[in-house]
N, C-alpha and C. Protein backbone atom coordinates (compact mmCIF):
# COMPACT_ATOMS: atom_id res chain seq x y z
N MET A 1 0.85 -1.18 -0.04
CA MET A 1 -0.03 0.00 -0.02
C MET A 1 0.89 1.21 -0.02
N ILE A 2 0.51 2.22 -0.79
CA ILE A 2 1.31 3.43 -0.93
C ILE A 2 0.66 4.49 0.03
N GLU A 3 1.54 5.04 0.76
CA GLU A 3 1.03 6.06 1.72
C GLU A 3 1.26 7.42 1.10
N VAL A 4 0.20 8.22 1.10
CA VAL A 4 0.28 9.65 0.53
C VAL A 4 0.50 10.57 1.78
N PRO A 5 1.54 11.32 1.69
CA PRO A 5 1.81 12.21 2.83
C PRO A 5 0.73 13.25 2.95
N THR A 6 0.33 13.56 4.13
CA THR A 6 -0.69 14.53 4.44
C THR A 6 -0.02 15.82 4.81
N PRO A 7 -0.34 17.00 4.14
CA PRO A 7 0.36 18.18 4.47
C PRO A 7 -0.03 18.70 5.88
N PRO A 8 0.80 19.39 6.51
CA PRO A 8 0.47 19.84 7.82
C PRO A 8 -0.72 20.80 7.80
N LEU A 9 -1.49 20.88 8.88
CA LEU A 9 -2.63 21.72 8.94
C LEU A 9 -2.30 23.20 8.71
N ASP A 10 -1.17 23.68 9.17
CA ASP A 10 -0.82 25.04 8.97
C ASP A 10 -0.55 25.39 7.57
N ALA A 11 -0.12 24.45 6.73
CA ALA A 11 0.09 24.64 5.29
C ALA A 11 -1.29 24.76 4.59
N ILE A 12 -2.24 23.96 4.92
CA ILE A 12 -3.56 24.05 4.40
C ILE A 12 -4.21 25.39 4.75
N ALA A 13 -4.03 25.79 6.01
CA ALA A 13 -4.63 27.06 6.45
C ALA A 13 -3.97 28.27 5.69
N ARG A 14 -2.64 28.19 5.44
CA ARG A 14 -1.99 29.22 4.75
C ARG A 14 -2.46 29.33 3.28
N LEU A 15 -2.64 28.09 2.63
CA LEU A 15 -3.14 28.02 1.26
C LEU A 15 -4.56 28.60 1.16
N ALA A 16 -5.42 28.33 2.05
CA ALA A 16 -6.75 28.89 2.07
C ALA A 16 -6.76 30.37 2.28
N ALA A 17 -5.91 30.90 3.12
CA ALA A 17 -5.78 32.29 3.32
C ALA A 17 -5.31 32.98 2.02
N ASP A 18 -4.29 32.39 1.43
CA ASP A 18 -3.76 32.95 0.17
C ASP A 18 -4.84 33.03 -0.91
N ALA A 19 -5.65 31.98 -0.98
CA ALA A 19 -6.72 31.92 -2.03
C ALA A 19 -7.76 32.98 -1.75
N ALA A 20 -8.11 33.17 -0.52
CA ALA A 20 -9.10 34.19 -0.11
C ALA A 20 -8.53 35.58 -0.43
N GLU A 21 -7.28 35.78 -0.16
CA GLU A 21 -6.65 37.10 -0.39
C GLU A 21 -6.66 37.39 -1.94
N ALA A 22 -6.29 36.35 -2.67
CA ALA A 22 -6.24 36.58 -4.17
C ALA A 22 -7.62 36.87 -4.75
N SER A 23 -8.63 36.20 -4.21
CA SER A 23 -9.97 36.42 -4.64
C SER A 23 -10.38 37.86 -4.27
N ALA A 24 -10.05 38.31 -3.10
CA ALA A 24 -10.42 39.66 -2.64
C ALA A 24 -9.70 40.63 -3.47
N SER A 25 -8.42 40.40 -3.85
CA SER A 25 -7.64 41.32 -4.70
C SER A 25 -8.22 41.43 -6.04
N ARG A 26 -8.71 40.30 -6.69
CA ARG A 26 -9.36 40.37 -7.97
C ARG A 26 -10.68 41.20 -7.92
N ARG A 27 -11.40 40.95 -6.89
CA ARG A 27 -12.69 41.69 -6.70
C ARG A 27 -12.35 43.21 -6.54
N ALA A 28 -11.37 43.57 -5.77
CA ALA A 28 -10.99 44.97 -5.54
C ALA A 28 -10.55 45.56 -6.90
N LEU A 29 -9.77 44.76 -7.66
CA LEU A 29 -9.28 45.26 -8.92
C LEU A 29 -10.38 45.56 -9.87
N LEU A 30 -11.38 44.64 -9.87
CA LEU A 30 -12.57 44.90 -10.74
C LEU A 30 -13.43 46.05 -10.29
N LEU A 31 -13.57 46.21 -8.99
CA LEU A 31 -14.41 47.30 -8.44
C LEU A 31 -13.73 48.63 -8.44
N ALA A 32 -12.40 48.71 -8.50
CA ALA A 32 -11.70 49.97 -8.37
C ALA A 32 -12.17 51.06 -9.32
N PRO A 33 -12.32 50.79 -10.60
CA PRO A 33 -12.74 51.85 -11.57
C PRO A 33 -14.14 52.36 -11.19
N PHE A 34 -15.04 51.48 -10.78
CA PHE A 34 -16.39 51.96 -10.39
C PHE A 34 -16.37 52.80 -9.18
N LEU A 35 -15.56 52.36 -8.23
CA LEU A 35 -15.48 53.16 -6.98
C LEU A 35 -14.87 54.48 -7.20
N ALA A 36 -13.85 54.54 -8.10
CA ALA A 36 -13.18 55.80 -8.43
C ALA A 36 -14.14 56.77 -9.08
N ALA A 37 -15.08 56.23 -9.86
CA ALA A 37 -15.99 57.13 -10.62
C ALA A 37 -17.17 57.64 -9.83
N LEU A 38 -17.44 57.05 -8.66
CA LEU A 38 -18.60 57.46 -7.85
C LEU A 38 -18.60 58.90 -7.48
N PRO A 39 -17.46 59.44 -6.94
CA PRO A 39 -17.49 60.90 -6.57
C PRO A 39 -17.81 61.80 -7.75
N ALA A 40 -17.27 61.45 -8.92
CA ALA A 40 -17.55 62.27 -10.12
C ALA A 40 -19.04 62.19 -10.49
N ALA A 41 -19.62 61.02 -10.33
CA ALA A 41 -21.04 60.86 -10.74
C ALA A 41 -21.94 61.67 -9.87
N PHE A 42 -21.59 61.79 -8.53
CA PHE A 42 -22.46 62.51 -7.63
C PHE A 42 -22.19 63.97 -7.61
N SER A 43 -21.03 64.39 -8.07
CA SER A 43 -20.68 65.82 -8.03
C SER A 43 -20.79 66.55 -9.37
N ALA A 44 -21.17 65.70 -10.43
CA ALA A 44 -21.29 66.31 -11.76
C ALA A 44 -22.37 67.37 -11.88
N THR A 45 -22.04 68.42 -12.53
CA THR A 45 -23.04 69.52 -12.71
C THR A 45 -23.96 69.08 -13.89
N PRO A 46 -25.18 69.55 -13.81
CA PRO A 46 -26.11 69.21 -14.88
C PRO A 46 -25.68 69.78 -16.24
N ALA A 47 -26.05 69.17 -17.34
CA ALA A 47 -25.63 69.66 -18.63
C ALA A 47 -26.33 71.02 -18.91
N ALA A 48 -25.62 71.85 -19.62
CA ALA A 48 -26.14 73.13 -20.01
C ALA A 48 -27.14 72.95 -21.16
N ALA A 49 -28.03 73.87 -21.30
CA ALA A 49 -29.02 73.85 -22.45
C ALA A 49 -28.24 73.92 -23.82
N ILE A 50 -28.78 73.24 -24.73
CA ILE A 50 -28.17 73.22 -26.10
C ILE A 50 -28.42 74.56 -26.76
N ASP A 51 -27.34 75.11 -27.32
CA ASP A 51 -27.52 76.35 -28.13
C ASP A 51 -28.10 76.03 -29.49
N PRO A 52 -29.37 76.48 -29.77
CA PRO A 52 -30.06 76.12 -30.96
C PRO A 52 -29.33 76.63 -32.26
N ASN A 53 -28.43 77.52 -32.09
CA ASN A 53 -27.61 78.01 -33.23
C ASN A 53 -26.53 76.96 -33.58
N ASP A 54 -26.19 76.13 -32.68
CA ASP A 54 -25.19 75.10 -32.83
C ASP A 54 -25.77 73.71 -33.11
N THR A 55 -26.81 73.38 -32.43
CA THR A 55 -27.47 72.05 -32.53
C THR A 55 -28.99 72.24 -32.49
N ALA A 56 -29.69 71.97 -33.59
CA ALA A 56 -31.14 72.12 -33.69
C ALA A 56 -31.71 70.73 -33.41
N VAL A 57 -32.63 70.71 -32.40
CA VAL A 57 -33.33 69.43 -32.03
C VAL A 57 -34.81 69.65 -32.25
N THR A 58 -35.40 68.69 -32.94
CA THR A 58 -36.86 68.67 -33.13
C THR A 58 -37.37 67.37 -32.65
N LEU A 59 -38.07 67.29 -31.60
CA LEU A 59 -38.64 66.04 -31.05
C LEU A 59 -39.92 65.72 -31.81
N PRO A 60 -40.26 64.40 -31.89
CA PRO A 60 -41.37 64.02 -32.66
C PRO A 60 -42.75 64.71 -32.27
N ASP A 61 -42.88 65.06 -31.02
CA ASP A 61 -44.17 65.71 -30.64
C ASP A 61 -44.22 67.16 -31.14
N ARG A 62 -43.16 67.65 -31.75
CA ARG A 62 -43.04 68.98 -32.27
C ARG A 62 -43.17 69.00 -33.83
N TYR A 63 -43.26 67.86 -34.45
CA TYR A 63 -43.44 67.82 -35.86
C TYR A 63 -44.70 68.51 -36.28
N GLN A 64 -44.65 69.27 -37.34
CA GLN A 64 -45.87 69.98 -37.85
C GLN A 64 -46.38 69.15 -39.06
N TRP A 65 -47.21 68.23 -38.73
CA TRP A 65 -47.72 67.35 -39.77
C TRP A 65 -48.70 68.13 -40.68
N GLN A 66 -48.57 67.93 -41.98
CA GLN A 66 -49.45 68.56 -43.02
C GLN A 66 -50.04 67.45 -43.85
N ALA A 67 -51.31 67.51 -44.18
CA ALA A 67 -51.87 66.56 -45.15
C ALA A 67 -51.15 66.75 -46.46
N ARG A 68 -50.86 65.70 -47.11
CA ARG A 68 -50.09 65.78 -48.44
C ARG A 68 -51.01 66.35 -49.42
N SER A 69 -50.47 67.18 -50.30
CA SER A 69 -51.31 67.86 -51.34
C SER A 69 -51.94 66.81 -52.23
N GLY A 70 -53.32 67.01 -52.36
CA GLY A 70 -54.11 66.16 -53.22
C GLY A 70 -54.36 64.79 -52.65
N ALA A 71 -53.88 64.44 -51.51
CA ALA A 71 -54.07 63.10 -50.93
C ALA A 71 -55.46 63.02 -50.28
N PRO A 72 -56.11 61.83 -50.29
CA PRO A 72 -57.37 61.64 -49.61
C PRO A 72 -57.19 61.91 -48.11
N PRO A 73 -58.22 62.29 -47.44
CA PRO A 73 -58.05 62.56 -45.94
C PRO A 73 -57.60 61.27 -45.24
N GLN A 74 -56.72 61.43 -44.21
CA GLN A 74 -56.23 60.32 -43.43
C GLN A 74 -55.53 59.24 -44.26
N SER A 75 -54.82 59.66 -45.30
CA SER A 75 -54.04 58.78 -46.11
C SER A 75 -52.56 58.94 -45.88
N SER A 76 -52.14 60.20 -45.98
CA SER A 76 -50.68 60.46 -45.83
C SER A 76 -50.45 61.86 -45.39
N GLU A 77 -49.44 62.05 -44.56
CA GLU A 77 -49.10 63.37 -44.02
C GLU A 77 -47.57 63.50 -44.12
N SER A 78 -47.05 64.68 -44.06
CA SER A 78 -45.62 64.91 -44.01
C SER A 78 -45.29 66.12 -43.14
N ALA A 79 -44.04 66.09 -42.68
CA ALA A 79 -43.49 67.21 -41.85
C ALA A 79 -42.11 67.56 -42.33
N ALA A 80 -41.90 68.79 -42.79
CA ALA A 80 -40.63 69.17 -43.22
C ALA A 80 -39.77 69.47 -42.02
N LEU A 81 -38.53 68.92 -41.95
CA LEU A 81 -37.75 69.13 -40.82
C LEU A 81 -36.53 70.00 -41.20
N TYR A 82 -36.12 69.97 -42.44
CA TYR A 82 -34.97 70.80 -42.92
C TYR A 82 -35.13 70.97 -44.38
N GLY A 83 -34.91 72.21 -44.85
CA GLY A 83 -35.01 72.52 -46.30
C GLY A 83 -36.35 72.32 -46.85
N SER A 84 -36.42 72.11 -48.19
CA SER A 84 -37.65 71.96 -48.91
C SER A 84 -37.46 71.07 -50.12
N ILE A 85 -38.41 70.21 -50.35
CA ILE A 85 -38.31 69.28 -51.53
C ILE A 85 -38.49 70.05 -52.80
N ASP A 86 -38.97 71.30 -52.76
CA ASP A 86 -39.32 72.09 -53.95
C ASP A 86 -38.18 73.13 -54.22
N GLN A 87 -37.19 73.20 -53.35
CA GLN A 87 -36.14 74.20 -53.54
C GLN A 87 -34.80 73.51 -53.70
N PRO A 88 -33.85 74.21 -54.37
CA PRO A 88 -32.51 73.59 -54.50
C PRO A 88 -31.86 73.40 -53.13
N GLY A 89 -31.16 72.29 -52.95
CA GLY A 89 -30.43 72.07 -51.70
C GLY A 89 -30.95 70.88 -50.93
N PRO A 90 -30.22 70.57 -49.88
CA PRO A 90 -30.65 69.38 -49.07
C PRO A 90 -31.95 69.58 -48.30
N TYR A 91 -32.65 68.47 -48.04
CA TYR A 91 -33.88 68.48 -47.32
C TYR A 91 -33.97 67.26 -46.44
N ALA A 92 -34.79 67.31 -45.41
CA ALA A 92 -35.16 66.17 -44.58
C ALA A 92 -36.62 66.28 -44.25
N VAL A 93 -37.39 65.26 -44.54
CA VAL A 93 -38.83 65.25 -44.20
C VAL A 93 -39.15 63.86 -43.53
N VAL A 94 -40.27 63.88 -42.85
CA VAL A 94 -40.86 62.63 -42.33
C VAL A 94 -42.20 62.49 -43.01
N VAL A 95 -42.53 61.30 -43.33
CA VAL A 95 -43.81 61.00 -44.07
C VAL A 95 -44.53 59.92 -43.23
N ARG A 96 -45.82 60.15 -43.00
CA ARG A 96 -46.65 59.11 -42.34
C ARG A 96 -47.68 58.61 -43.30
N TRP A 97 -47.66 57.33 -43.59
CA TRP A 97 -48.68 56.70 -44.48
C TRP A 97 -49.67 55.92 -43.61
N TYR A 98 -50.94 56.01 -43.86
CA TYR A 98 -51.92 55.26 -43.10
C TYR A 98 -52.30 53.96 -43.89
N PRO A 99 -52.65 52.92 -43.15
CA PRO A 99 -53.03 51.64 -43.82
C PRO A 99 -54.14 51.87 -44.87
N GLY A 100 -53.94 51.18 -45.97
CA GLY A 100 -54.98 51.25 -47.07
C GLY A 100 -54.70 52.24 -48.17
N TYR A 101 -53.52 52.89 -48.16
CA TYR A 101 -53.19 53.87 -49.18
C TYR A 101 -51.82 53.68 -49.71
N MET A 102 -51.65 53.93 -50.97
CA MET A 102 -50.37 53.88 -51.69
C MET A 102 -50.25 55.00 -52.72
N SER A 103 -49.02 55.30 -53.05
CA SER A 103 -48.83 56.25 -54.14
C SER A 103 -48.95 55.54 -55.49
N ALA A 104 -49.32 56.32 -56.52
CA ALA A 104 -49.26 55.79 -57.89
C ALA A 104 -47.78 55.76 -58.33
N PRO A 105 -47.47 54.95 -59.36
CA PRO A 105 -46.07 54.92 -59.83
C PRO A 105 -45.62 56.36 -60.22
N HIS A 106 -44.42 56.68 -59.69
CA HIS A 106 -43.87 58.04 -59.96
C HIS A 106 -42.37 57.95 -59.86
N SER A 107 -41.71 59.12 -60.27
CA SER A 107 -40.26 59.21 -60.20
C SER A 107 -39.84 60.54 -59.69
N TYR A 108 -38.58 60.67 -59.33
CA TYR A 108 -38.02 61.94 -58.89
C TYR A 108 -36.80 62.28 -59.67
N ALA A 109 -36.45 63.57 -59.73
CA ALA A 109 -35.27 63.95 -60.53
C ALA A 109 -33.98 63.64 -59.71
N THR A 110 -34.06 63.48 -58.42
CA THR A 110 -32.88 63.18 -57.56
C THR A 110 -33.09 61.94 -56.68
N ASP A 111 -32.00 61.35 -56.27
CA ASP A 111 -32.10 60.25 -55.35
C ASP A 111 -32.76 60.68 -54.08
N ARG A 112 -33.41 59.73 -53.41
CA ARG A 112 -33.97 59.89 -52.07
C ARG A 112 -33.51 58.76 -51.18
N LEU A 113 -33.08 59.03 -50.04
CA LEU A 113 -32.66 58.08 -49.04
C LEU A 113 -33.70 57.98 -47.92
N CYS A 114 -34.31 56.78 -47.78
CA CYS A 114 -35.45 56.61 -46.91
C CYS A 114 -35.20 55.58 -45.82
N PHE A 115 -35.56 56.04 -44.60
CA PHE A 115 -35.36 55.12 -43.45
C PHE A 115 -36.69 54.89 -42.79
N VAL A 116 -37.09 53.63 -42.60
CA VAL A 116 -38.33 53.30 -41.96
C VAL A 116 -38.21 53.42 -40.43
N LEU A 117 -38.89 54.40 -39.87
CA LEU A 117 -38.71 54.75 -38.47
C LEU A 117 -39.68 53.88 -37.63
N SER A 118 -40.88 53.60 -38.11
CA SER A 118 -41.82 52.74 -37.43
C SER A 118 -42.86 52.20 -38.41
N GLY A 119 -43.43 51.05 -38.04
CA GLY A 119 -44.38 50.41 -38.90
C GLY A 119 -43.71 49.64 -40.05
N THR A 120 -44.48 49.24 -41.01
CA THR A 120 -43.98 48.52 -42.24
C THR A 120 -44.39 49.27 -43.48
N TRP A 121 -43.43 49.55 -44.29
CA TRP A 121 -43.62 50.23 -45.57
C TRP A 121 -43.53 49.23 -46.67
N TRP A 122 -44.54 49.29 -47.57
CA TRP A 122 -44.67 48.30 -48.70
C TRP A 122 -44.17 49.10 -49.98
N VAL A 123 -43.18 48.53 -50.65
CA VAL A 123 -42.56 49.17 -51.74
C VAL A 123 -42.41 48.28 -52.97
N ASN A 124 -42.30 48.96 -54.18
CA ASN A 124 -42.02 48.24 -55.40
C ASN A 124 -41.51 49.25 -56.41
N SER A 125 -40.97 48.70 -57.52
CA SER A 125 -40.45 49.51 -58.62
C SER A 125 -41.32 49.20 -59.85
N GLY A 126 -41.28 50.13 -60.78
CA GLY A 126 -41.96 49.85 -62.10
C GLY A 126 -43.01 50.83 -62.38
N GLU A 127 -43.41 50.87 -63.63
CA GLU A 127 -44.52 51.85 -64.08
C GLU A 127 -45.88 51.26 -63.89
N ARG A 128 -46.03 49.97 -63.75
CA ARG A 128 -47.38 49.39 -63.48
C ARG A 128 -47.68 49.28 -61.99
N PHE A 129 -48.78 49.75 -61.61
CA PHE A 129 -49.18 49.69 -60.18
C PHE A 129 -49.78 48.32 -59.86
N GLU A 130 -48.96 47.54 -59.07
CA GLU A 130 -49.34 46.21 -58.66
C GLU A 130 -49.10 46.03 -57.16
N PRO A 131 -50.02 46.53 -56.38
CA PRO A 131 -49.80 46.51 -54.93
C PRO A 131 -49.57 45.18 -54.32
N ASN A 132 -50.10 44.11 -54.96
CA ASN A 132 -49.92 42.73 -54.42
C ASN A 132 -48.45 42.25 -54.64
N LEU A 133 -47.70 42.99 -55.41
CA LEU A 133 -46.28 42.62 -55.64
C LEU A 133 -45.31 43.43 -54.80
N THR A 134 -45.84 44.32 -53.98
CA THR A 134 -44.93 45.12 -53.06
C THR A 134 -44.28 44.23 -52.05
N VAL A 135 -43.15 44.66 -51.56
CA VAL A 135 -42.41 43.97 -50.53
C VAL A 135 -42.39 44.79 -49.25
N PRO A 136 -42.42 44.08 -48.06
CA PRO A 136 -42.45 44.87 -46.85
C PRO A 136 -41.00 45.30 -46.45
N VAL A 137 -40.98 46.55 -45.91
CA VAL A 137 -39.69 47.01 -45.33
C VAL A 137 -40.03 47.45 -43.88
N PRO A 138 -39.64 46.66 -42.89
CA PRO A 138 -39.95 46.95 -41.51
C PRO A 138 -39.13 48.12 -40.94
N ALA A 139 -39.57 48.56 -39.76
CA ALA A 139 -38.82 49.58 -38.97
C ALA A 139 -37.39 49.18 -38.95
N GLY A 140 -36.49 50.14 -39.22
CA GLY A 140 -35.07 49.98 -39.24
C GLY A 140 -34.56 49.71 -40.64
N GLY A 141 -35.47 49.49 -41.57
CA GLY A 141 -35.08 49.25 -42.96
C GLY A 141 -34.68 50.54 -43.68
N PHE A 142 -33.98 50.38 -44.81
CA PHE A 142 -33.46 51.51 -45.58
C PHE A 142 -33.90 51.24 -47.06
N VAL A 143 -34.35 52.31 -47.74
CA VAL A 143 -34.65 52.19 -49.17
C VAL A 143 -34.03 53.33 -49.85
N ARG A 144 -33.33 53.09 -50.95
CA ARG A 144 -32.74 54.11 -51.77
C ARG A 144 -33.68 54.27 -53.02
N ARG A 145 -34.28 55.43 -53.26
CA ARG A 145 -35.01 55.62 -54.47
C ARG A 145 -34.06 56.26 -55.48
N VAL A 146 -33.76 55.54 -56.52
CA VAL A 146 -32.80 56.03 -57.52
C VAL A 146 -33.46 57.00 -58.41
N ALA A 147 -32.82 58.17 -58.72
CA ALA A 147 -33.36 59.27 -59.54
C ALA A 147 -33.85 58.68 -60.87
N ARG A 148 -34.98 59.25 -61.29
CA ARG A 148 -35.57 58.96 -62.61
C ARG A 148 -35.98 57.52 -62.82
N THR A 149 -36.31 56.81 -61.76
CA THR A 149 -36.75 55.42 -61.90
C THR A 149 -38.22 55.42 -61.31
N TRP A 150 -39.09 54.59 -61.89
CA TRP A 150 -40.48 54.55 -61.42
C TRP A 150 -40.58 53.59 -60.19
N HIS A 151 -41.40 54.07 -59.30
CA HIS A 151 -41.70 53.24 -58.10
C HIS A 151 -42.98 53.73 -57.47
N TYR A 152 -43.49 52.90 -56.51
CA TYR A 152 -44.68 53.25 -55.74
C TYR A 152 -44.56 52.56 -54.39
N ASP A 153 -45.40 53.05 -53.39
CA ASP A 153 -45.22 52.57 -52.05
C ASP A 153 -46.41 53.03 -51.22
N GLY A 154 -46.49 52.51 -50.03
CA GLY A 154 -47.52 52.91 -49.10
C GLY A 154 -47.68 51.83 -48.03
N VAL A 155 -48.90 51.68 -47.56
CA VAL A 155 -49.20 50.72 -46.43
C VAL A 155 -50.45 49.93 -46.82
N LYS A 156 -50.31 48.67 -46.83
CA LYS A 156 -51.43 47.77 -47.25
C LYS A 156 -52.52 47.86 -46.12
N ARG A 157 -53.77 47.67 -46.61
CA ARG A 157 -54.92 47.56 -45.71
C ARG A 157 -54.67 46.46 -44.75
N GLY A 158 -55.00 46.61 -43.49
CA GLY A 158 -54.91 45.52 -42.56
C GLY A 158 -53.67 45.66 -41.70
N GLU A 159 -52.73 46.53 -42.08
CA GLU A 159 -51.54 46.73 -41.19
C GLU A 159 -52.03 47.35 -39.92
N PRO A 160 -51.41 47.01 -38.76
CA PRO A 160 -51.86 47.55 -37.51
C PRO A 160 -51.63 49.02 -37.18
N GLU A 161 -50.70 49.66 -37.94
CA GLU A 161 -50.37 51.03 -37.69
C GLU A 161 -49.84 51.71 -38.92
N PRO A 162 -49.88 53.06 -38.91
CA PRO A 162 -49.26 53.75 -40.02
C PRO A 162 -47.69 53.51 -40.00
N VAL A 163 -47.10 53.81 -41.14
CA VAL A 163 -45.62 53.76 -41.25
C VAL A 163 -45.10 55.17 -41.16
N VAL A 164 -44.02 55.36 -40.53
CA VAL A 164 -43.33 56.70 -40.52
C VAL A 164 -41.98 56.53 -41.19
N ILE A 165 -41.70 57.27 -42.17
CA ILE A 165 -40.46 57.19 -43.00
C ILE A 165 -39.73 58.52 -42.85
N GLY A 166 -38.44 58.47 -42.64
CA GLY A 166 -37.63 59.59 -42.68
C GLY A 166 -36.92 59.65 -44.06
N ILE A 167 -36.95 60.80 -44.73
CA ILE A 167 -36.43 60.93 -46.11
C ILE A 167 -35.52 62.07 -46.20
N ILE A 168 -34.33 61.84 -46.75
CA ILE A 168 -33.36 62.95 -47.04
C ILE A 168 -33.00 62.89 -48.54
N GLY A 169 -32.66 63.99 -48.99
CA GLY A 169 -32.31 64.11 -50.44
C GLY A 169 -31.90 65.53 -50.76
N ALA A 170 -31.80 65.79 -52.09
CA ALA A 170 -31.50 67.16 -52.56
C ALA A 170 -32.67 67.56 -53.45
N GLY A 171 -33.07 68.81 -53.26
CA GLY A 171 -34.23 69.33 -54.09
C GLY A 171 -33.72 70.10 -55.24
N PRO A 172 -34.63 70.45 -56.07
CA PRO A 172 -36.02 70.04 -56.06
C PRO A 172 -36.21 68.63 -56.56
N VAL A 173 -37.17 67.95 -56.08
CA VAL A 173 -37.40 66.52 -56.43
C VAL A 173 -38.08 66.38 -57.80
N ASP A 174 -38.90 67.36 -58.23
CA ASP A 174 -39.54 67.31 -59.55
C ASP A 174 -40.23 65.99 -59.83
N ILE A 175 -41.29 65.73 -59.06
CA ILE A 175 -42.02 64.46 -59.20
C ILE A 175 -42.69 64.33 -60.53
N LYS A 176 -42.65 63.18 -61.14
CA LYS A 176 -43.35 62.84 -62.38
C LYS A 176 -44.21 61.60 -62.20
N LEU A 177 -45.40 61.64 -62.68
CA LEU A 177 -46.30 60.41 -62.55
C LEU A 177 -46.15 59.57 -63.81
N ALA A 178 -46.21 58.27 -63.66
CA ALA A 178 -46.09 57.38 -64.79
C ALA A 178 -47.38 57.45 -65.58
N GLU A 179 -48.46 57.70 -64.96
CA GLU A 179 -49.77 57.88 -65.62
C GLU A 179 -50.42 59.23 -65.19
N PRO A 180 -49.97 60.31 -65.85
CA PRO A 180 -50.39 61.65 -65.43
C PRO A 180 -51.94 61.85 -65.32
N GLY A 181 -52.71 61.12 -66.10
CA GLY A 181 -54.16 61.33 -66.12
C GLY A 181 -54.88 60.60 -64.94
N LYS A 182 -54.14 59.85 -64.22
CA LYS A 182 -54.71 59.07 -63.07
C LYS A 182 -54.36 59.69 -61.76
N PRO A 183 -55.13 59.43 -60.70
CA PRO A 183 -54.80 59.97 -59.38
C PRO A 183 -53.49 59.55 -58.90
N PRO A 184 -52.74 60.50 -58.18
CA PRO A 184 -51.45 60.16 -57.61
C PRO A 184 -51.51 59.30 -56.43
N TRP A 185 -52.71 59.08 -55.83
CA TRP A 185 -52.86 58.27 -54.58
C TRP A 185 -53.85 57.18 -54.89
N ARG A 186 -53.62 56.01 -54.34
CA ARG A 186 -54.50 54.83 -54.62
C ARG A 186 -54.93 54.28 -53.30
N GLU A 187 -56.20 53.96 -53.23
CA GLU A 187 -56.72 53.21 -52.09
C GLU A 187 -56.53 51.70 -52.38
N VAL A 188 -55.99 50.99 -51.41
CA VAL A 188 -55.70 49.55 -51.68
C VAL A 188 -56.35 48.73 -50.56
């Protein structure tokens, strides 16, 4: 039989103490940055008001929604945030489409960069209006409308909420309808 030597009790106690000290040191090392930041967090002065000449902020509850020209009631609204789609230069607008309405096929003279902020936007390209062939773009999605290409979009009936789209581009957009004799808005 092989006998395994037993370490003395004082060696075991010393090993346990060393392990506890090392564990405490690691904990202290991890907590040190947080503890060092506490005085700064409690003594920080509140942020100063933003100078509107340096940074312009428009919160969503301040958007000035306007019914879109020629659109049926409760179909689509827009709010200009910067510049104008009818004037030369950059612009930023938000558009809100209500379920059951889409635009007729149309094009613009300049590219438009579109970000879906909420809801689902249904989009397609082409001169023929075929709402059943549109594809969904959910919140967080991006759509680039290429200058002088035909497209249409909106929100299908049955969607639970309107879609809100942020659009930026360069004006003037000079909108053209694929079928000028037909209404620019379609109920779907």
